Amino acid sequence: MKNRFVLIAITLLFFTGCSTLYKAKVILPPSWIDMKEIAPNVYANIDMNTTQQQKLLTQIPQAKEYVKDVWDVVTSDPVIYACSTNECAKSLGIGARAHQVLNHIVLSTKALNKELISHEWSHAELYKRVGGFWNQKEIPTWFNEGLAVLVSHEIRHDERAWKKIVDKNIKHPSINELITMKQWHSATKKYNKDIDAKDIVVTYATAGHIVKEWYDKVGSEGLAYLINEVKNGASFDEIYNKTLERNSLP
């Protein structure tokens, strides 16, 4: 059984282009990676104290409400792995603050709050609704990340950050620079080169603004229609443009 989990992890990382096995460790049984269950589908490192656990557990339902506000109905129930130490975060391959792997959300010590949990939960919701890994790859990075920004209300990413970009005339990427994850990382490095990331992350703020403008026109109905059509094999670009013509929605 253990060999089977390892094979799945290696296969997953081969196709996602990841350079480390750490991120795939979350598909292993929790006890194998020193995680303990503190609530259904919620696991923490064995060193997380009771106060930290309780605080985390109050943030999760609030994060779910954030997801519901945009998606209307929450269909996903992701497995959450939370770290209270840097060692735990490093062992699970967290490069920044958090990430999503399939139906798993992995949180660092800086992500134990409703904003970051809901951001990753949006990714997990899209993953489930679009029909899994292969279909999720058809969604451009700017849309996936911009939607998560819309959900999360994270101050470095949302309209407050976008206003700073506009007011200060900060250079920001075009949508064509944010299609793939490789492009996304390159653009983040380029446009945040001389900007404090504690204040603004330009790629997230740009994508969040684009998706917010679209969502304000189409709402949760348009979002559900778009994702379902992509799940059924339609072109993202074609359906995205179609949703902007509200009368064309069934």
C-alpha atoms as a PDB file:
ATOM      1  CA  MET A   1       0.000   0.000   0.000  1.00  0.00           C
ATOM      2  CA  LYS A   2       2.790   2.415   0.882  1.00  0.00           C
ATOM      3  CA  ASN A   3       4.479   1.798  -2.476  1.00  0.00           C
ATOM      4  CA  ARG A   4       1.170   2.571  -4.202  1.00  0.00           C
ATOM      5  CA  PHE A   5       0.945   5.980  -2.498  1.00  0.00           C
ATOM      6  CA  VAL A   6       4.529   6.767  -3.427  1.00  0.00           C
ATOM      7  CA  LEU A   7       3.885   5.824  -7.069  1.00  0.00           C
ATOM      8  CA  ILE A   8       0.844   8.121  -7.164  1.00  0.00           C
ATOM      9  CA  ALA A   9       2.897  10.948  -5.686  1.00  0.00           C
ATOM     10  CA  ILE A  10       5.682  10.542  -8.240  1.00  0.00           C
ATOM     11  CA  THR A  11       3.199  10.342 -11.111  1.00  0.00           C
ATOM     12  CA  LEU A  12       1.395  13.461  -9.905  1.00  0.00           C
ATOM     13  CA  LEU A  13       4.609  15.445  -9.709  1.00  0.00           C
ATOM     14  CA  PHE A  14       5.784  14.234 -13.105  1.00  0.00           C
ATOM     15  CA  PHE A  15       2.690  15.612 -14.791  1.00  0.00           C
ATOM     16  CA  THR A  16       2.496  18.844 -12.792  1.00  0.00           C
ATOM     17  CA  GLY A  17       6.129  19.659 -13.433  1.00  0.00           C
ATOM     18  CA  CYS A  18       6.960  19.978  -9.734  1.00  0.00           C
ATOM     19  CA  SER A  19      10.609  19.660  -8.841  1.00  0.00           C
ATOM     20  CA  THR A  20      10.133  18.166  -5.391  1.00  0.00           C
ATOM     21  CA  LEU A  21       8.217  15.312  -3.825  1.00  0.00           C
ATOM     22  CA  TYR A  22       7.319  17.391  -0.788  1.00  0.00           C
ATOM     23  CA  LYS A  23       4.045  18.815  -2.127  1.00  0.00           C
ATOM     24  CA  ALA A  24       2.709  15.364  -2.976  1.00  0.00           C
ATOM     25  CA  LYS A  25       3.309  14.093   0.562  1.00  0.00           C
ATOM     26  CA  VAL A  26      -0.186  15.263   1.512  1.00  0.00           C
ATOM     27  CA  ILE A  27      -1.722  12.373  -0.433  1.00  0.00           C
ATOM     28  CA  LEU A  28       0.015   9.997   1.956  1.00  0.00           C
ATOM     29  CA  PRO A  29      -1.734   8.853   5.155  1.00  0.00           C
ATOM     30  CA  PRO A  30      -1.440  11.682   7.740  1.00  0.00           C
ATOM     31  CA  SER A  31       0.344   9.538  10.287  1.00  0.00           C
ATOM     32  CA  TRP A  32       3.172   8.980   7.808  1.00  0.00           C
ATOM     33  CA  ILE A  33       3.940  12.698   7.754  1.00  0.00           C
ATOM     34  CA  ASP A  34       3.484  13.441  11.476  1.00  0.00           C
ATOM     35  CA  MET A  35       0.051  15.061  11.153  1.00  0.00           C
ATOM     36  CA  LYS A  36      -2.801  14.548  13.614  1.00  0.00           C
ATOM     37  CA  GLU A  37      -6.536  14.904  13.032  1.00  0.00           C
ATOM     38  CA  ILE A  38      -8.081  17.769  15.024  1.00  0.00           C
ATOM     39  CA  ALA A  39     -11.464  17.803  13.246  1.00  0.00           C
ATOM     40  CA  PRO A  40     -13.024  15.961  10.303  1.00  0.00           C
ATOM     41  CA  ASN A  41     -10.777  16.530   7.270  1.00  0.00           C
ATOM     42  CA  VAL A  42      -8.530  18.883   9.265  1.00  0.00           C
ATOM     43  CA  TYR A  43      -5.002  17.861  10.249  1.00  0.00           C
ATOM     44  CA  ALA A  44      -2.277  19.713  12.107  1.00  0.00           C
ATOM     45  CA  ASN A  45       1.340  19.001  12.873  1.00  0.00           C
ATOM     46  CA  ILE A  46       1.775  17.167  16.137  1.00  0.00           C
ATOM     47  CA  ASP A  47       3.367  20.256  17.755  1.00  0.00           C
ATOM     48  CA  MET A  48       0.369  22.548  17.223  1.00  0.00           C
ATOM     49  CA  ASN A  49      -0.985  23.502  20.632  1.00  0.00           C
ATOM     50  CA  THR A  50      -4.647  23.589  21.674  1.00  0.00           C
ATOM     51  CA  THR A  51      -4.971  27.375  21.404  1.00  0.00           C
ATOM     52  CA  GLN A  52      -3.643  27.353  17.862  1.00  0.00           C
ATOM     53  CA  GLN A  53      -5.935  24.479  16.955  1.00  0.00           C
ATOM     54  CA  GLN A  54      -9.011  26.251  18.302  1.00  0.00           C
ATOM     55  CA  LYS A  55      -8.149  29.460  16.459  1.00  0.00           C
ATOM     56  CA  LEU A  56      -7.705  27.536  13.212  1.00  0.00           C
ATOM     57  CA  LEU A  57     -11.019  25.749  13.638  1.00  0.00           C
ATOM     58  CA  THR A  58     -12.842  29.066  14.046  1.00  0.00           C
ATOM     59  CA  GLN A  59     -11.316  30.366  10.821  1.00  0.00           C
ATOM     60  CA  ILE A  60     -12.345  27.439   8.614  1.00  0.00           C
ATOM     61  CA  PRO A  61     -16.149  27.987   8.675  1.00  0.00           C
ATOM     62  CA  GLN A  62     -15.580  31.703   8.083  1.00  0.00           C
ATOM     63  CA  ALA A  63     -13.418  30.833   5.086  1.00  0.00           C
ATOM     64  CA  LYS A  64     -16.177  28.583   3.783  1.00  0.00           C
ATOM     65  CA  GLU A  65     -18.592  31.520   3.915  1.00  0.00           C
ATOM     66  CA  TYR A  66     -16.182  33.552   1.809  1.00  0.00           C
ATOM     67  CA  VAL A  67     -16.168  30.750  -0.760  1.00  0.00           C
ATOM     68  CA  LYS A  68     -19.948  30.534  -0.671  1.00  0.00           C
ATOM     69  CA  ASP A  69     -20.305  34.272  -1.239  1.00  0.00           C
ATOM     70  CA  VAL A  70     -18.726  33.930  -4.687  1.00  0.00           C
ATOM     71  CA  TRP A  71     -19.464  30.350  -5.719  1.00  0.00           C
ATOM     72  CA  ASP A  72     -23.003  30.422  -4.261  1.00  0.00           C
ATOM     73  CA  VAL A  73     -22.866  26.740  -3.272  1.00  0.00           C
ATOM     74  CA  VAL A  74     -19.764  25.043  -1.850  1.00  0.00           C
ATOM     75  CA  THR A  75     -19.459  21.551  -3.327  1.00  0.00           C
ATOM     76  CA  SER A  76     -15.919  20.769  -2.175  1.00  0.00           C
ATOM     77  CA  ASP A  77     -14.786  19.479   1.193  1.00  0.00           C
ATOM     78  CA  PRO A  78     -11.015  19.722   0.982  1.00  0.00           C
ATOM     79  CA  VAL A  79      -8.631  18.021   3.345  1.00  0.00           C
ATOM     80  CA  ILE A  80      -6.772  20.730   5.250  1.00  0.00           C
ATOM     81  CA  TYR A  81      -3.199  20.315   6.457  1.00  0.00           C
ATOM     82  CA  ALA A  82      -2.066  23.105   8.765  1.00  0.00           C
ATOM     83  CA  CYS A  83       1.421  23.848  10.056  1.00  0.00           C
ATOM     84  CA  SER A  84       2.323  25.768  13.201  1.00  0.00           C
ATOM     85  CA  THR A  85       6.075  25.530  12.600  1.00  0.00           C
ATOM     86  CA  ASN A  86       8.386  26.429   9.739  1.00  0.00           C
ATOM     87  CA  GLU A  87       9.793  22.922   9.821  1.00  0.00           C
ATOM     88  CA  CYS A  88       6.360  21.468   9.118  1.00  0.00           C
ATOM     89  CA  ALA A  89       5.751  23.935   6.267  1.00  0.00           C
ATOM     90  CA  LYS A  90       9.104  23.113   4.699  1.00  0.00           C
ATOM     91  CA  SER A  91       8.460  19.388   4.963  1.00  0.00           C
ATOM     92  CA  LEU A  92       5.193  19.781   3.024  1.00  0.00           C
ATOM     93  CA  GLY A  93       6.763  21.866   0.277  1.00  0.00           C
ATOM     94  CA  ILE A  94       5.121  25.224   1.070  1.00  0.00           C
ATOM     95  CA  GLY A  95       7.132  27.716  -0.924  1.00  0.00           C
ATOM     96  CA  ALA A  96       5.168  30.819   0.024  1.00  0.00           C
ATOM     97  CA  ARG A  97       2.264  30.744   2.449  1.00  0.00           C
ATOM     98  CA  ALA A  98      -0.088  28.031   1.210  1.00  0.00           C
ATOM     99  CA  HIS A  99      -0.979  25.853  -1.758  1.00  0.00           C
ATOM    100  CA  GLN A 100      -3.582  23.451  -3.089  1.00  0.00           C
ATOM    101  CA  VAL A 101      -2.791  19.918  -4.250  1.00  0.00           C
ATOM    102  CA  LEU A 102      -5.779  18.140  -5.798  1.00  0.00           C
ATOM    103  CA  ASN A 103      -8.380  18.090  -2.989  1.00  0.00           C
ATOM    104  CA  HIS A 104      -5.898  19.152  -0.329  1.00  0.00           C
ATOM    105  CA  ILE A 105      -5.159  22.575   1.146  1.00  0.00           C
ATOM    106  CA  VAL A 106      -1.767  23.028   2.789  1.00  0.00           C
ATOM    107  CA  LEU A 107      -1.222  25.990   5.132  1.00  0.00           C
ATOM    108  CA  SER A 108       1.927  27.490   6.578  1.00  0.00           C
ATOM    109  CA  THR A 109       2.153  29.354   9.869  1.00  0.00           C
ATOM    110  CA  LYS A 110       1.274  32.580   7.970  1.00  0.00           C
ATOM    111  CA  ALA A 111      -1.872  31.138   6.401  1.00  0.00           C
ATOM    112  CA  LEU A 112      -3.946  30.055   9.392  1.00  0.00           C
ATOM    113  CA  ASN A 113      -6.628  32.641   8.691  1.00  0.00           C
ATOM    114  CA  LYS A 114      -9.884  32.857   6.744  1.00  0.00           C
ATOM    115  CA  GLU A 115      -8.345  34.926   3.941  1.00  0.00           C
ATOM    116  CA  LEU A 116      -5.668  32.432   2.982  1.00  0.00           C
ATOM    117  CA  ILE A 117      -7.804  29.370   3.715  1.00  0.00           C
ATOM    118  CA  SER A 118     -10.598  30.675   1.463  1.00  0.00           C
ATOM    119  CA  HIS A 119      -8.093  31.514  -1.279  1.00  0.00           C
ATOM    120  CA  GLU A 120      -6.893  27.918  -1.415  1.00  0.00           C
ATOM    121  CA  TRP A 121     -10.428  26.617  -0.929  1.00  0.00           C
ATOM    122  CA  SER A 122     -11.470  28.466  -4.092  1.00  0.00           C
ATOM    123  CA  HIS A 123      -8.785  26.525  -5.968  1.00  0.00           C
ATOM    124  CA  ALA A 124     -10.117  23.291  -4.477  1.00  0.00           C
ATOM    125  CA  GLU A 125     -13.685  24.236  -5.407  1.00  0.00           C
ATOM    126  CA  LEU A 126     -12.662  24.892  -8.999  1.00  0.00           C
ATOM    127  CA  TYR A 127     -10.701  21.632  -9.049  1.00  0.00           C
ATOM    128  CA  LYS A 128     -13.782  19.665  -8.056  1.00  0.00           C
ATOM    129  CA  ARG A 129     -16.288  21.497 -10.232  1.00  0.00           C
ATOM    130  CA  VAL A 130     -14.200  21.397 -13.381  1.00  0.00           C
ATOM    131  CA  GLY A 131     -13.680  17.676 -13.055  1.00  0.00           C
ATOM    132  CA  GLY A 132     -10.205  17.227 -11.660  1.00  0.00           C
ATOM    133  CA  PHE A 133      -6.593  17.805 -12.557  1.00  0.00           C
ATOM    134  CA  TRP A 134      -6.674  17.478 -16.340  1.00  0.00           C
ATOM    135  CA  ASN A 135      -9.591  19.844 -16.829  1.00  0.00           C
ATOM    136  CA  GLN A 136      -8.186  22.295 -14.287  1.00  0.00           C
ATOM    137  CA  LYS A 137      -5.148  22.657 -16.548  1.00  0.00           C
ATOM    138  CA  GLU A 138      -7.453  24.199 -19.172  1.00  0.00           C
ATOM    139  CA  ILE A 139      -8.199  27.126 -16.862  1.00  0.00           C
ATOM    140  CA  PRO A 140      -5.672  29.964 -17.319  1.00  0.00           C
ATOM    141  CA  THR A 141      -3.706  30.850 -14.228  1.00  0.00           C
ATOM    142  CA  TRP A 142      -4.944  34.463 -14.198  1.00  0.00           C
ATOM    143  CA  PHE A 143      -8.549  33.260 -13.879  1.00  0.00           C
ATOM    144  CA  ASN A 144      -7.896  30.625 -11.229  1.00  0.00           C
ATOM    145  CA  GLU A 145      -5.822  33.013  -9.122  1.00  0.00           C
ATOM    146  CA  GLY A 146      -8.026  36.033  -9.789  1.00  0.00           C
ATOM    147  CA  LEU A 147     -11.075  34.103  -8.671  1.00  0.00           C
ATOM    148  CA  ALA A 148      -9.288  33.089  -5.474  1.00  0.00           C
ATOM    149  CA  VAL A 149      -8.439  36.762  -4.889  1.00  0.00           C
ATOM    150  CA  LEU A 150     -12.102  37.678  -5.307  1.00  0.00           C
ATOM    151  CA  VAL A 151     -13.057  35.031  -2.761  1.00  0.00           C
ATOM    152  CA  SER A 152     -10.450  35.806  -0.135  1.00  0.00           C
ATOM    153  CA  HIS A 153     -10.489  39.594   0.442  1.00  0.00           C
ATOM    154  CA  GLU A 154      -6.745  39.457   1.057  1.00  0.00           C
ATOM    155  CA  ILE A 155      -5.486  43.025   1.477  1.00  0.00           C
ATOM    156  CA  ARG A 156      -2.312  42.567  -0.608  1.00  0.00           C
ATOM    157  CA  HIS A 157      -4.336  41.195  -3.533  1.00  0.00           C
ATOM    158  CA  ASP A 158      -7.824  42.674  -3.696  1.00  0.00           C
ATOM    159  CA  GLU A 159      -9.237  45.997  -4.923  1.00  0.00           C
ATOM    160  CA  ARG A 160      -7.408  47.877  -2.196  1.00  0.00           C
ATOM    161  CA  ALA A 161      -4.130  46.712  -3.709  1.00  0.00           C
ATOM    162  CA  TRP A 162      -5.385  47.434  -7.229  1.00  0.00           C
ATOM    163  CA  LYS A 163      -6.252  51.007  -6.207  1.00  0.00           C
ATOM    164  CA  LYS A 164      -2.673  51.504  -5.032  1.00  0.00           C
ATOM    165  CA  ILE A 165      -1.427  50.237  -8.393  1.00  0.00           C
ATOM    166  CA  VAL A 166      -3.627  52.730 -10.219  1.00  0.00           C
ATOM    167  CA  ASP A 167      -2.968  55.653  -7.864  1.00  0.00           C
ATOM    168  CA  LYS A 168       0.797  55.149  -7.929  1.00  0.00           C
ATOM    169  CA  ASN A 169       0.891  54.272 -11.640  1.00  0.00           C
ATOM    170  CA  ILE A 170       2.622  50.973 -10.918  1.00  0.00           C
ATOM    171  CA  LYS A 171       3.381  48.844 -13.948  1.00  0.00           C
ATOM    172  CA  HIS A 172       1.332  45.661 -14.120  1.00  0.00           C
ATOM    173  CA  PRO A 173       1.149  42.667 -16.479  1.00  0.00           C
ATOM    174  CA  SER A 174      -1.259  42.124 -19.339  1.00  0.00           C
ATOM    175  CA  ILE A 175      -3.587  39.134 -19.241  1.00  0.00           C
ATOM    176  CA  ASN A 176      -1.428  37.410 -21.874  1.00  0.00           C
ATOM    177  CA  GLU A 177       1.492  37.390 -19.461  1.00  0.00           C
ATOM    178  CA  LEU A 178      -0.467  35.379 -16.889  1.00  0.00           C
ATOM    179  CA  ILE A 179      -1.831  32.382 -18.772  1.00  0.00           C
ATOM    180  CA  THR A 180       0.480  29.631 -17.533  1.00  0.00           C
ATOM    181  CA  MET A 181       1.911  29.115 -14.083  1.00  0.00           C
ATOM    182  CA  LYS A 182       5.400  29.590 -15.496  1.00  0.00           C
ATOM    183  CA  GLN A 183       4.346  32.969 -16.892  1.00  0.00           C
ATOM    184  CA  TRP A 184       2.719  33.831 -13.582  1.00  0.00           C
ATOM    185  CA  HIS A 185       5.900  33.232 -11.603  1.00  0.00           C
ATOM    186  CA  SER A 186       7.968  35.209 -14.123  1.00  0.00           C
ATOM    187  CA  ALA A 187       5.523  38.133 -14.029  1.00  0.00           C
ATOM    188  CA  THR A 188       5.430  38.132 -10.222  1.00  0.00           C
ATOM    189  CA  LYS A 189       9.195  38.366 -10.110  1.00  0.00           C
ATOM    190  CA  LYS A 190       9.266  41.062 -12.807  1.00  0.00           C
ATOM    191  CA  TYR A 191       6.516  43.367 -11.582  1.00  0.00           C
ATOM    192  CA  ASN A 192       7.212  43.031  -7.861  1.00  0.00           C
ATOM    193  CA  LYS A 193      10.935  43.535  -8.284  1.00  0.00           C
ATOM    194  CA  ASP A 194      10.935  46.998  -6.710  1.00  0.00           C
ATOM    195  CA  ILE A 195       7.729  46.722  -4.672  1.00  0.00           C
ATOM    196  CA  ASP A 196       7.326  45.449  -1.130  1.00  0.00           C
ATOM    197  CA  ALA A 197       5.303  42.224  -1.368  1.00  0.00           C
ATOM    198  CA  LYS A 198       4.010  42.894   2.152  1.00  0.00           C
ATOM    199  CA  ASP A 199       2.038  45.766   0.644  1.00  0.00           C
ATOM    200  CA  ILE A 200       1.075  44.652  -2.888  1.00  0.00           C
ATOM    201  CA  VAL A 201       1.545  41.557  -5.040  1.00  0.00           C
ATOM    202  CA  VAL A 202       1.007  42.968  -8.511  1.00  0.00           C
ATOM    203  CA  THR A 203       0.087  39.762 -10.336  1.00  0.00           C
ATOM    204  CA  TYR A 204      -2.607  38.822  -7.818  1.00  0.00           C
ATOM    205  CA  ALA A 205      -4.029  42.340  -7.715  1.00  0.00           C
ATOM    206  CA  THR A 206      -4.138  42.498 -11.521  1.00  0.00           C
ATOM    207  CA  ALA A 207      -5.797  39.112 -11.926  1.00  0.00           C
ATOM    208  CA  GLY A 208      -8.186  39.822  -9.069  1.00  0.00           C
ATOM    209  CA  HIS A 209      -9.307  43.081 -10.680  1.00  0.00           C
ATOM    210  CA  ILE A 210      -9.874  41.447 -14.068  1.00  0.00           C
ATOM    211  CA  VAL A 211     -11.934  38.636 -12.583  1.00  0.00           C
ATOM    212  CA  LYS A 212     -13.905  41.007 -10.342  1.00  0.00           C
ATOM    213  CA  GLU A 213     -14.945  43.109 -13.350  1.00  0.00           C
ATOM    214  CA  TRP A 214     -16.073  39.941 -15.128  1.00  0.00           C
ATOM    215  CA  TYR A 215     -17.844  38.507 -12.075  1.00  0.00           C
ATOM    216  CA  ASP A 216     -19.688  41.772 -11.437  1.00  0.00           C
ATOM    217  CA  LYS A 217     -21.270  41.296 -14.876  1.00  0.00           C
ATOM    218  CA  VAL A 218     -22.016  37.558 -14.805  1.00  0.00           C
ATOM    219  CA  GLY A 219     -22.306  36.590 -11.109  1.00  0.00           C
ATOM    220  CA  SER A 220     -22.280  33.083  -9.687  1.00  0.00           C
ATOM    221  CA  GLU A 221     -24.573  31.914 -12.512  1.00  0.00           C
ATOM    222  CA  GLY A 222     -22.014  32.855 -15.140  1.00  0.00           C
ATOM    223  CA  LEU A 223     -19.212  31.335 -13.089  1.00  0.00           C
ATOM    224  CA  ALA A 224     -21.023  28.005 -12.741  1.00  0.00           C
ATOM    225  CA  TYR A 225     -21.855  27.993 -16.453  1.00  0.00           C
ATOM    226  CA  LEU A 226     -18.244  28.692 -17.456  1.00  0.00           C
ATOM    227  CA  ILE A 227     -16.752  25.972 -15.280  1.00  0.00           C
ATOM    228  CA  ASN A 228     -19.350  23.392 -16.294  1.00  0.00           C
ATOM    229  CA  GLU A 229     -18.796  24.083 -19.997  1.00  0.00           C
ATOM    230  CA  VAL A 230     -15.032  23.701 -19.615  1.00  0.00           C
ATOM    231  CA  LYS A 231     -15.663  20.447 -17.732  1.00  0.00           C
ATOM    232  CA  ASN A 232     -17.620  19.242 -20.747  1.00  0.00           C
ATOM    233  CA  GLY A 233     -14.775  20.041 -23.129  1.00  0.00           C
ATOM    234  CA  ALA A 234     -15.515  23.594 -24.274  1.00  0.00           C
ATOM    235  CA  SER A 235     -12.823  26.219 -24.828  1.00  0.00           C
ATOM    236  CA  PHE A 236     -12.303  28.465 -21.825  1.00  0.00           C
ATOM    237  CA  ASP A 237     -11.762  31.560 -23.967  1.00  0.00           C
ATOM    238  CA  GLU A 238     -14.881  30.925 -26.019  1.00  0.00           C
ATOM    239  CA  ILE A 239     -17.156  30.444 -23.012  1.00  0.00           C
ATOM    240  CA  TYR A 240     -15.548  33.266 -21.033  1.00  0.00           C
ATOM    241  CA  ASN A 241     -16.344  35.691 -23.840  1.00  0.00           C
ATOM    242  CA  LYS A 242     -19.811  34.214 -24.206  1.00  0.00           C
ATOM    243  CA  THR A 243     -20.609  34.825 -20.546  1.00  0.00           C
ATOM    244  CA  LEU A 244     -19.997  38.516 -21.075  1.00  0.00           C
ATOM    245  CA  GLU A 245     -23.073  38.489 -23.296  1.00  0.00           C
ATOM    246  CA  ARG A 246     -25.547  37.739 -20.534  1.00  0.00           C
ATOM    247  CA  ASN A 247     -28.410  37.099 -22.911  1.00  0.00           C
ATOM    248  CA  SER A 248     -26.505  34.134 -24.341  1.00  0.00           C
ATOM    249  CA  LEU A 249     -26.557  32.234 -21.047  1.00  0.00           C
ATOM    250  CA  PRO A 250     -29.093  29.401 -20.942  1.00  0.00           C
END
